[in-house]
Amino acid sequence: MLALIISMISFSLSMSISPGPVNLTILSSSMNYGVKPVLAFISGATFGFTLLLASVCFGLYQFIMIYPVLLNVISLLGTALLVWIGFNILMAKGERITGDISSTEQSVSSEKSMTAQVPGFMQGALMQWLNPKAWIAAVAGTALFSASQNPNILVLFILIYFVVCYLSLWIWGVAGEMLAAFLNTGHRARIFNIVMGLVLIVISLHMCWTHFYGQ
């Protein structure tokens, strides 16, 4: 059992901590606004993926094996969403909310502006369901740990993945906030947003291309 748990942790960590659309969105958003406002997105992404994983483990896996075209539709819709998010990151001004605001009116205005731009819980959850990387992780994990035909093993896998995923995404958020001190000098933040937006767009298009033509 210990070996099985270690395998689950290793798989979950490798899939959660590695760069992907969700991680890059968290990194860029935390750099611009700090990790605290992005916690809703991190929570949404974690719960969204956990629900996706549970759905695949207990039903969707067999359905996908019968109708693989479902993954084609998800890949196209997911790519469109991720390219749109990447474009928004690319266009972000790179002005991080610091809280050093003298008047109440300015504080309310800045808070409303930040709330409108920071991705929220539902965006995080939706992004996972339309994220090709998340589907690959869910399908691969289900195939790997369902061999024993023991539903308790899959439940354990889902719980472990939830914890590992949440911590991994939070680490990306902390990393983004730590980058702010360096990137808030001059036009570094603006350049960073351009680079991250382009990287997210390229990664999304590459995943879509690989799904259809990489076999």
Protein backbone atom coordinates (compact mmCIF):
# COMPACT_ATOMS: atom_id res chain seq x y z
CA MET A 1 0.00 0.00 0.00
CA LEU A 2 2.86 2.38 0.80
CA ALA A 3 4.36 1.81 -2.64
CA LEU A 4 0.97 2.49 -4.21
CA ILE A 5 0.55 5.75 -2.28
CA ILE A 6 4.04 6.88 -3.30
CA SER A 7 3.18 6.11 -6.93
CA MET A 8 -0.01 8.16 -6.68
CA ILE A 9 1.82 11.11 -5.12
CA SER A 10 4.57 10.96 -7.76
CA PHE A 11 2.06 10.83 -10.62
CA SER A 12 -0.05 13.64 -9.16
CA LEU A 13 2.96 15.85 -8.51
CA SER A 14 4.49 15.35 -11.95
CA MET A 15 1.22 16.27 -13.66
CA SER A 16 0.30 19.15 -11.32
CA ILE A 17 3.62 20.93 -10.89
CA SER A 18 4.72 20.77 -14.54
CA PRO A 19 4.06 23.89 -16.66
CA GLY A 20 0.65 24.03 -18.26
CA PRO A 21 -2.11 26.51 -19.11
CA VAL A 22 -3.51 26.66 -15.56
CA ASN A 23 -0.07 27.02 -13.96
CA LEU A 24 0.95 29.82 -16.32
CA THR A 25 -2.32 31.67 -15.72
CA ILE A 26 -1.75 31.46 -11.95
CA LEU A 27 1.85 32.61 -12.31
CA SER A 28 0.94 35.65 -14.38
CA SER A 29 -2.13 36.58 -12.30
CA SER A 30 -0.23 36.30 -9.00
CA MET A 31 2.58 38.43 -10.38
CA ASN A 32 0.11 41.17 -11.27
CA TYR A 33 -2.23 41.02 -8.27
CA GLY A 34 -0.57 38.88 -5.56
CA VAL A 35 -1.40 35.30 -4.61
CA LYS A 36 -4.29 36.10 -2.23
CA PRO A 37 -6.73 37.43 -4.89
CA VAL A 38 -5.84 34.44 -7.11
CA LEU A 39 -6.70 31.86 -4.42
CA ALA A 40 -10.27 31.69 -5.74
CA PHE A 41 -8.96 30.69 -9.18
CA ILE A 42 -6.54 28.18 -7.60
CA SER A 43 -9.41 26.68 -5.57
CA GLY A 44 -11.66 26.55 -8.61
CA ALA A 45 -8.97 24.86 -10.69
CA THR A 46 -8.35 22.30 -7.94
CA PHE A 47 -12.00 21.47 -7.31
CA GLY A 48 -12.71 21.53 -11.04
CA PHE A 49 -9.99 19.01 -11.78
CA THR A 50 -10.96 16.83 -8.81
CA LEU A 51 -14.53 16.67 -10.12
CA LEU A 52 -13.19 15.89 -13.60
CA LEU A 53 -10.95 13.14 -12.25
CA ALA A 54 -13.79 11.61 -10.21
CA SER A 55 -16.07 11.70 -13.26
CA VAL A 56 -13.47 9.98 -15.42
CA CYS A 57 -12.67 7.39 -12.74
CA PHE A 58 -16.32 6.45 -12.20
CA GLY A 59 -17.91 6.49 -15.64
CA LEU A 60 -16.45 8.85 -18.22
CA TYR A 61 -13.38 6.68 -18.84
CA GLN A 62 -15.46 3.89 -20.39
CA PHE A 63 -17.50 6.46 -22.35
CA ILE A 64 -14.33 8.07 -23.76
CA MET A 65 -13.01 4.67 -24.82
CA ILE A 66 -16.22 4.09 -26.76
CA TYR A 67 -16.50 7.63 -28.16
CA PRO A 68 -12.96 9.06 -28.52
CA VAL A 69 -14.38 11.94 -30.59
CA LEU A 70 -15.31 13.52 -27.24
CA LEU A 71 -11.65 14.32 -26.64
CA ASN A 72 -11.49 16.01 -30.06
CA VAL A 73 -14.34 18.34 -29.13
CA ILE A 74 -12.79 19.09 -25.73
CA SER A 75 -9.44 19.80 -27.36
CA LEU A 76 -10.95 22.32 -29.79
CA LEU A 77 -13.08 24.10 -27.17
CA GLY A 78 -10.22 24.05 -24.67
CA THR A 79 -7.76 25.49 -27.15
CA ALA A 80 -10.15 28.34 -27.98
CA LEU A 81 -10.59 29.16 -24.27
CA LEU A 82 -6.88 28.98 -23.50
CA VAL A 83 -5.95 31.15 -26.49
CA TRP A 84 -8.48 33.74 -25.29
CA ILE A 85 -7.01 33.68 -21.77
CA GLY A 86 -3.50 33.92 -23.22
CA PHE A 87 -4.53 36.96 -25.24
CA ASN A 88 -5.91 38.63 -22.09
CA ILE A 89 -2.62 37.97 -20.27
CA LEU A 90 -0.69 39.31 -23.24
CA MET A 91 -2.71 42.53 -23.18
CA ALA A 92 -2.46 43.02 -19.39
CA LYS A 93 -0.66 46.22 -18.41
CA GLY A 94 1.38 44.57 -15.68
CA GLU A 95 0.38 46.97 -12.90
CA ARG A 96 0.31 45.03 -9.62
CA ILE A 97 -2.07 46.07 -6.86
CA THR A 98 0.09 47.12 -3.92
CA GLY A 99 -2.51 48.56 -1.55
CA ASP A 100 -0.61 51.87 -1.21
CA ILE A 101 -3.65 54.01 -2.04
CA SER A 102 -4.25 57.29 -0.30
CA SER A 103 -7.99 57.85 -0.74
CA THR A 104 -10.99 55.62 -0.15
CA GLU A 105 -12.39 56.44 -3.57
CA GLN A 106 -9.16 55.32 -5.27
CA SER A 107 -9.14 52.15 -3.15
CA VAL A 108 -12.69 51.20 -4.17
CA SER A 109 -11.94 51.97 -7.82
CA SER A 110 -8.77 49.89 -7.81
CA GLU A 111 -10.50 47.01 -6.01
CA LYS A 112 -13.29 46.95 -8.59
CA SER A 113 -10.76 47.08 -11.43
CA MET A 114 -8.75 44.23 -9.94
CA THR A 115 -11.86 42.11 -9.28
CA ALA A 116 -12.88 42.49 -12.91
CA GLN A 117 -9.49 41.26 -14.16
CA VAL A 118 -8.48 38.55 -11.69
CA PRO A 119 -9.76 35.11 -12.81
CA GLY A 120 -12.23 33.64 -10.34
CA PHE A 121 -13.41 30.28 -9.00
CA MET A 122 -15.70 29.38 -11.89
CA GLN A 123 -13.08 30.34 -14.47
CA GLY A 124 -10.59 28.04 -12.76
CA ALA A 125 -13.05 25.14 -12.70
CA LEU A 126 -14.15 25.67 -16.31
CA MET A 127 -10.56 26.00 -17.48
CA GLN A 128 -9.74 22.55 -16.11
CA TRP A 129 -12.70 20.94 -17.86
CA LEU A 130 -11.57 22.49 -21.14
CA ASN A 131 -7.87 21.91 -20.51
CA PRO A 132 -6.46 19.08 -22.70
CA LYS A 133 -3.65 18.52 -20.19
CA ALA A 134 -6.19 17.94 -17.39
CA TRP A 135 -8.06 15.37 -19.48
CA ILE A 136 -4.82 13.58 -20.33
CA ALA A 137 -3.89 13.44 -16.63
CA ALA A 138 -7.36 12.19 -15.64
CA VAL A 139 -7.52 9.50 -18.32
CA ALA A 140 -3.92 8.36 -17.79
CA GLY A 141 -4.33 8.26 -14.01
CA THR A 142 -7.57 6.31 -14.25
CA ALA A 143 -5.99 3.77 -16.60
CA LEU A 144 -2.98 3.43 -14.30
CA PHE A 145 -4.75 2.96 -10.97
CA SER A 146 -7.98 1.21 -12.00
CA ALA A 147 -6.27 -2.09 -12.85
CA SER A 148 -7.12 -3.54 -9.43
CA GLN A 149 -10.87 -2.96 -10.03
CA ASN A 150 -11.04 -1.70 -6.44
CA PRO A 151 -13.09 1.53 -6.18
CA ASN A 152 -11.43 2.37 -2.86
CA ILE A 153 -8.09 2.67 -4.67
CA LEU A 154 -9.58 5.23 -7.05
CA VAL A 155 -11.10 7.20 -4.16
CA LEU A 156 -7.68 7.29 -2.48
CA PHE A 157 -6.12 8.44 -5.75
CA ILE A 158 -8.66 11.27 -6.08
CA LEU A 159 -8.05 12.46 -2.51
CA ILE A 160 -4.27 12.40 -2.94
CA TYR A 161 -4.50 14.23 -6.26
CA PHE A 162 -6.69 16.92 -4.67
CA VAL A 163 -4.09 17.71 -1.99
CA VAL A 164 -1.11 17.54 -4.34
CA CYS A 165 -2.86 19.64 -6.99
CA TYR A 166 -3.87 22.35 -4.53
CA LEU A 167 -0.35 22.63 -3.09
CA SER A 168 1.26 22.61 -6.55
CA LEU A 169 -0.97 25.39 -7.88
CA TRP A 170 -0.44 27.41 -4.69
CA ILE A 171 3.33 27.11 -5.19
CA TRP A 172 2.95 28.59 -8.68
CA GLY A 173 0.95 31.43 -7.14
CA VAL A 174 3.61 32.14 -4.53
CA ALA A 175 6.27 32.06 -7.25
CA GLY A 176 4.34 34.64 -9.23
CA GLU A 177 4.01 36.95 -6.23
CA MET A 178 7.73 36.63 -5.49
CA LEU A 179 8.51 37.59 -9.08
CA ALA A 180 6.60 40.85 -8.68
CA ALA A 181 9.40 42.55 -6.71
CA PHE A 182 11.74 41.98 -9.64
CA LEU A 183 9.27 42.53 -12.45
CA ASN A 184 7.63 45.71 -11.11
CA THR A 185 10.73 47.68 -12.10
CA GLY A 186 10.37 49.59 -15.33
CA HIS A 187 8.58 47.70 -18.10
CA ARG A 188 9.55 44.24 -16.90
CA ALA A 189 6.01 43.33 -15.83
CA ARG A 190 4.59 44.35 -19.21
CA ILE A 191 7.25 42.32 -21.01
CA PHE A 192 6.59 39.36 -18.71
CA ASN A 193 2.86 39.45 -19.49
CA ILE A 194 3.56 39.54 -23.22
CA VAL A 195 5.91 36.58 -22.95
CA MET A 196 3.56 34.56 -20.71
CA GLY A 197 0.57 35.30 -22.92
CA LEU A 198 2.44 34.19 -26.03
CA VAL A 199 3.76 31.07 -24.27
CA LEU A 200 0.25 30.10 -23.15
CA ILE A 201 -1.11 30.58 -26.67
CA VAL A 202 1.73 28.55 -28.20
CA ILE A 203 1.39 25.74 -25.63
CA SER A 204 -2.37 25.58 -26.19
CA LEU A 205 -2.06 25.45 -29.98
CA HIS A 206 0.76 22.90 -29.71
CA MET A 207 -1.33 20.61 -27.46
CA CYS A 208 -4.21 20.82 -29.94
CA TRP A 209 -1.92 20.11 -32.90
CA THR A 210 -0.32 17.17 -31.08
CA HIS A 211 -3.72 15.73 -30.20
CA PHE A 212 -4.88 15.68 -33.82
CA TYR A 213 -1.63 15.18 -35.75
CA GLY A 214 0.91 13.93 -33.20
CA GLN A 215 -0.22 10.32 -33.20
